[in-house]
Amino acid sequence: MSTDEQIREVLAQHASLAVDAATVGAHENLYSCGMTSHASVRVMLALEDTFDVEIPDSYLRKETFESVESISELLRAICPVPS
């Protein structure tokens, strides 16, 4: 499963979106799609579990979880590069 697919699976399970997570554009605002700040915390915790990472405090901003692309950028920044 690709990173994008994994992100969308997390969103489908935890973001409480008003639309199907699979249909959300990469740059579409997730908050406009129904995600609340409370749901974004659930998404953050699920991302940490799914990708086995700890999201640094410096990334704990609304903008970090605003879109599939911003979440993908976060993961590229904090996930170790496979050798």
N, C-alpha and C. Protein backbone atom coordinates (compact mmCIF):
# COMPACT_ATOMS: atom_id res chain seq x y z
N MET A 1 0.85 -1.18 0.00
CA MET A 1 0.00 0.00 0.00
C MET A 1 0.90 1.24 0.00
N SER A 2 0.59 2.20 -0.85
CA SER A 2 1.40 3.42 -0.95
C SER A 2 1.16 4.32 0.27
N THR A 3 2.06 5.27 0.45
CA THR A 3 1.92 6.23 1.54
C THR A 3 0.60 6.98 1.40
N ASP A 4 0.28 7.42 0.19
CA ASP A 4 -0.96 8.14 -0.05
C ASP A 4 -2.18 7.29 0.33
N GLU A 5 -2.15 6.03 -0.02
CA GLU A 5 -3.25 5.13 0.32
C GLU A 5 -3.35 4.94 1.83
N GLN A 6 -2.21 4.83 2.49
CA GLN A 6 -2.20 4.69 3.95
C GLN A 6 -2.76 5.95 4.62
N ILE A 7 -2.37 7.11 4.12
CA ILE A 7 -2.89 8.37 4.67
C ILE A 7 -4.40 8.42 4.50
N ARG A 8 -4.87 8.07 3.32
CA ARG A 8 -6.32 8.10 3.06
C ARG A 8 -7.06 7.08 3.93
N GLU A 9 -6.45 5.95 4.21
CA GLU A 9 -7.06 4.96 5.10
C GLU A 9 -7.18 5.52 6.51
N VAL A 10 -6.11 6.18 6.98
CA VAL A 10 -6.16 6.82 8.30
C VAL A 10 -7.27 7.87 8.32
N LEU A 11 -7.35 8.69 7.28
CA LEU A 11 -8.38 9.72 7.21
C LEU A 11 -9.78 9.10 7.21
N ALA A 12 -9.95 8.03 6.46
CA ALA A 12 -11.25 7.36 6.39
C ALA A 12 -11.68 6.85 7.77
N GLN A 13 -10.73 6.38 8.54
CA GLN A 13 -11.05 5.80 9.84
C GLN A 13 -11.14 6.82 10.97
N HIS A 14 -10.41 7.95 10.86
CA HIS A 14 -10.27 8.83 12.03
C HIS A 14 -10.65 10.29 11.81
N ALA A 15 -10.80 10.75 10.57
CA ALA A 15 -11.00 12.18 10.33
C ALA A 15 -12.46 12.62 10.37
N SER A 16 -13.38 11.68 10.36
CA SER A 16 -14.82 12.02 10.37
C SER A 16 -15.18 12.98 9.24
N LEU A 17 -14.67 12.69 8.05
CA LEU A 17 -14.95 13.54 6.90
C LEU A 17 -16.39 13.35 6.42
N ALA A 18 -16.93 14.40 5.83
CA ALA A 18 -18.29 14.34 5.27
C ALA A 18 -18.30 13.70 3.89
N VAL A 19 -17.10 13.43 3.35
CA VAL A 19 -16.95 12.82 2.03
C VAL A 19 -16.03 11.61 2.15
N ASP A 20 -16.01 10.79 1.12
CA ASP A 20 -15.13 9.62 1.07
C ASP A 20 -13.68 10.09 0.96
N ALA A 21 -12.83 9.65 1.86
CA ALA A 21 -11.42 10.07 1.87
C ALA A 21 -10.72 9.73 0.55
N ALA A 22 -11.17 8.69 -0.12
CA ALA A 22 -10.55 8.29 -1.39
C ALA A 22 -10.81 9.31 -2.50
N THR A 23 -11.84 10.14 -2.34
CA THR A 23 -12.19 11.10 -3.38
C THR A 23 -11.66 12.50 -3.13
N VAL A 24 -11.02 12.71 -1.99
CA VAL A 24 -10.50 14.04 -1.64
C VAL A 24 -9.24 14.32 -2.45
N GLY A 25 -9.18 15.49 -3.08
CA GLY A 25 -7.99 15.87 -3.83
C GLY A 25 -6.79 16.03 -2.92
N ALA A 26 -5.61 15.83 -3.46
CA ALA A 26 -4.38 15.88 -2.66
C ALA A 26 -4.19 17.22 -1.95
N HIS A 27 -4.67 18.29 -2.56
CA HIS A 27 -4.50 19.63 -1.99
C HIS A 27 -5.79 20.18 -1.39
N GLU A 28 -6.84 19.38 -1.41
CA GLU A 28 -8.13 19.83 -0.88
C GLU A 28 -8.07 19.97 0.63
N ASN A 29 -8.69 21.03 1.15
CA ASN A 29 -8.66 21.31 2.58
C ASN A 29 -9.53 20.30 3.33
N LEU A 30 -8.90 19.52 4.21
CA LEU A 30 -9.62 18.49 4.96
C LEU A 30 -10.60 19.09 5.95
N TYR A 31 -10.28 20.27 6.48
CA TYR A 31 -11.20 20.93 7.41
C TYR A 31 -12.47 21.36 6.68
N SER A 32 -12.34 21.75 5.43
CA SER A 32 -13.51 22.10 4.61
C SER A 32 -14.33 20.86 4.29
N CYS A 33 -13.70 19.70 4.37
CA CYS A 33 -14.39 18.43 4.12
C CYS A 33 -15.01 17.85 5.38
N GLY A 34 -14.94 18.60 6.48
CA GLY A 34 -15.61 18.17 7.70
C GLY A 34 -14.73 17.77 8.87
N MET A 35 -13.42 17.72 8.68
CA MET A 35 -12.55 17.34 9.78
C MET A 35 -12.51 18.45 10.83
N THR A 36 -12.65 18.08 12.09
CA THR A 36 -12.57 19.04 13.19
C THR A 36 -11.18 18.99 13.80
N SER A 37 -10.88 19.95 14.66
CA SER A 37 -9.57 19.93 15.32
C SER A 37 -9.46 18.70 16.22
N HIS A 38 -10.56 18.27 16.83
CA HIS A 38 -10.54 17.05 17.64
C HIS A 38 -10.21 15.84 16.77
N ALA A 39 -10.82 15.77 15.60
CA ALA A 39 -10.54 14.66 14.68
C ALA A 39 -9.10 14.70 14.19
N SER A 40 -8.54 15.90 14.03
CA SER A 40 -7.14 16.00 13.57
C SER A 40 -6.19 15.40 14.60
N VAL A 41 -6.54 15.47 15.88
CA VAL A 41 -5.72 14.83 16.92
C VAL A 41 -5.79 13.31 16.76
N ARG A 42 -6.98 12.79 16.49
CA ARG A 42 -7.11 11.34 16.25
C ARG A 42 -6.30 10.93 15.02
N VAL A 43 -6.34 11.76 13.97
CA VAL A 43 -5.55 11.49 12.76
C VAL A 43 -4.07 11.47 13.09
N MET A 44 -3.61 12.46 13.85
CA MET A 44 -2.20 12.52 14.22
C MET A 44 -1.76 11.25 14.96
N LEU A 45 -2.56 10.82 15.94
CA LEU A 45 -2.21 9.63 16.70
C LEU A 45 -2.22 8.38 15.81
N ALA A 46 -3.17 8.30 14.91
CA ALA A 46 -3.24 7.16 13.99
C ALA A 46 -2.07 7.17 13.02
N LEU A 47 -1.66 8.35 12.56
CA LEU A 47 -0.48 8.44 11.68
C LEU A 47 0.77 7.95 12.41
N GLU A 48 0.91 8.35 13.67
CA GLU A 48 2.06 7.89 14.45
C GLU A 48 2.08 6.37 14.56
N ASP A 49 0.92 5.77 14.80
CA ASP A 49 0.83 4.31 14.89
C ASP A 49 1.08 3.65 13.54
N THR A 50 0.46 4.16 12.51
CA THR A 50 0.56 3.56 11.17
C THR A 50 1.98 3.60 10.63
N PHE A 51 2.66 4.74 10.82
CA PHE A 51 3.99 4.92 10.24
C PHE A 51 5.11 4.74 11.26
N ASP A 52 4.75 4.36 12.49
CA ASP A 52 5.72 4.11 13.56
C ASP A 52 6.69 5.29 13.72
N VAL A 53 6.10 6.47 13.88
CA VAL A 53 6.88 7.71 14.07
C VAL A 53 6.29 8.48 15.24
N GLU A 54 7.05 9.45 15.72
CA GLU A 54 6.54 10.42 16.67
C GLU A 54 6.61 11.78 15.99
N ILE A 55 5.48 12.43 15.90
CA ILE A 55 5.43 13.72 15.22
C ILE A 55 5.96 14.79 16.18
N PRO A 56 7.04 15.47 15.80
CA PRO A 56 7.63 16.49 16.67
C PRO A 56 6.66 17.65 16.94
N ASP A 57 6.79 18.23 18.11
CA ASP A 57 5.93 19.35 18.50
C ASP A 57 5.93 20.47 17.47
N SER A 58 7.05 20.68 16.81
CA SER A 58 7.15 21.77 15.84
C SER A 58 6.20 21.59 14.65
N TYR A 59 5.69 20.38 14.45
CA TYR A 59 4.76 20.10 13.35
C TYR A 59 3.30 20.11 13.81
N LEU A 60 3.07 20.31 15.08
CA LEU A 60 1.71 20.25 15.60
C LEU A 60 1.00 21.58 15.37
N ARG A 61 0.65 21.79 14.11
CA ARG A 61 -0.06 22.99 13.67
C ARG A 61 -1.21 22.55 12.77
N LYS A 62 -2.23 23.35 12.73
CA LYS A 62 -3.39 23.04 11.89
C LYS A 62 -2.99 22.80 10.44
N GLU A 63 -2.06 23.61 9.94
CA GLU A 63 -1.64 23.52 8.54
C GLU A 63 -1.01 22.17 8.20
N THR A 64 -0.39 21.53 9.18
CA THR A 64 0.27 20.24 8.95
C THR A 64 -0.73 19.18 8.53
N PHE A 65 -1.95 19.27 9.03
CA PHE A 65 -2.96 18.24 8.78
C PHE A 65 -4.08 18.75 7.87
N GLU A 66 -3.78 19.80 7.11
CA GLU A 66 -4.76 20.48 6.30
C GLU A 66 -5.15 19.73 5.02
N SER A 67 -4.24 18.91 4.51
CA SER A 67 -4.51 18.20 3.25
C SER A 67 -3.71 16.90 3.21
N VAL A 68 -4.07 16.06 2.27
CA VAL A 68 -3.32 14.82 2.08
C VAL A 68 -1.87 15.17 1.74
N GLU A 69 -1.67 16.17 0.90
CA GLU A 69 -0.31 16.57 0.51
C GLU A 69 0.48 17.10 1.70
N SER A 70 -0.13 17.90 2.56
CA SER A 70 0.62 18.43 3.72
C SER A 70 0.98 17.31 4.68
N ILE A 71 0.13 16.32 4.82
CA ILE A 71 0.45 15.16 5.66
C ILE A 71 1.58 14.36 5.02
N SER A 72 1.52 14.20 3.71
CA SER A 72 2.58 13.50 2.99
C SER A 72 3.92 14.21 3.16
N GLU A 73 3.91 15.55 3.07
CA GLU A 73 5.13 16.33 3.28
C GLU A 73 5.68 16.12 4.69
N LEU A 74 4.78 16.11 5.67
CA LEU A 74 5.18 15.84 7.05
C LEU A 74 5.89 14.51 7.15
N LEU A 75 5.30 13.48 6.59
CA LEU A 75 5.88 12.15 6.68
C LEU A 75 7.23 12.06 5.96
N ARG A 76 7.35 12.73 4.83
CA ARG A 76 8.65 12.76 4.13
C ARG A 76 9.71 13.42 4.99
N ALA A 77 9.30 14.42 5.75
CA ALA A 77 10.26 15.17 6.59
C ALA A 77 10.69 14.39 7.82
N ILE A 78 9.83 13.55 8.37
CA ILE A 78 10.16 12.89 9.64
C ILE A 78 10.43 11.40 9.56
N CYS A 79 10.04 10.77 8.48
CA CYS A 79 10.26 9.32 8.36
C CYS A 79 11.68 9.04 7.91
N PRO A 80 12.29 8.05 8.52
CA PRO A 80 13.64 7.69 8.07
C PRO A 80 13.61 7.16 6.63
N VAL A 81 14.63 7.50 5.91
CA VAL A 81 14.76 7.02 4.53
C VAL A 81 15.26 5.57 4.57
N PRO A 82 14.54 4.67 3.91
CA PRO A 82 15.01 3.27 3.91
C PRO A 82 16.36 3.14 3.23
N SER A 83 17.21 2.27 3.77
CA SER A 83 18.54 2.09 3.18
C SER A 83 18.58 0.91 2.23
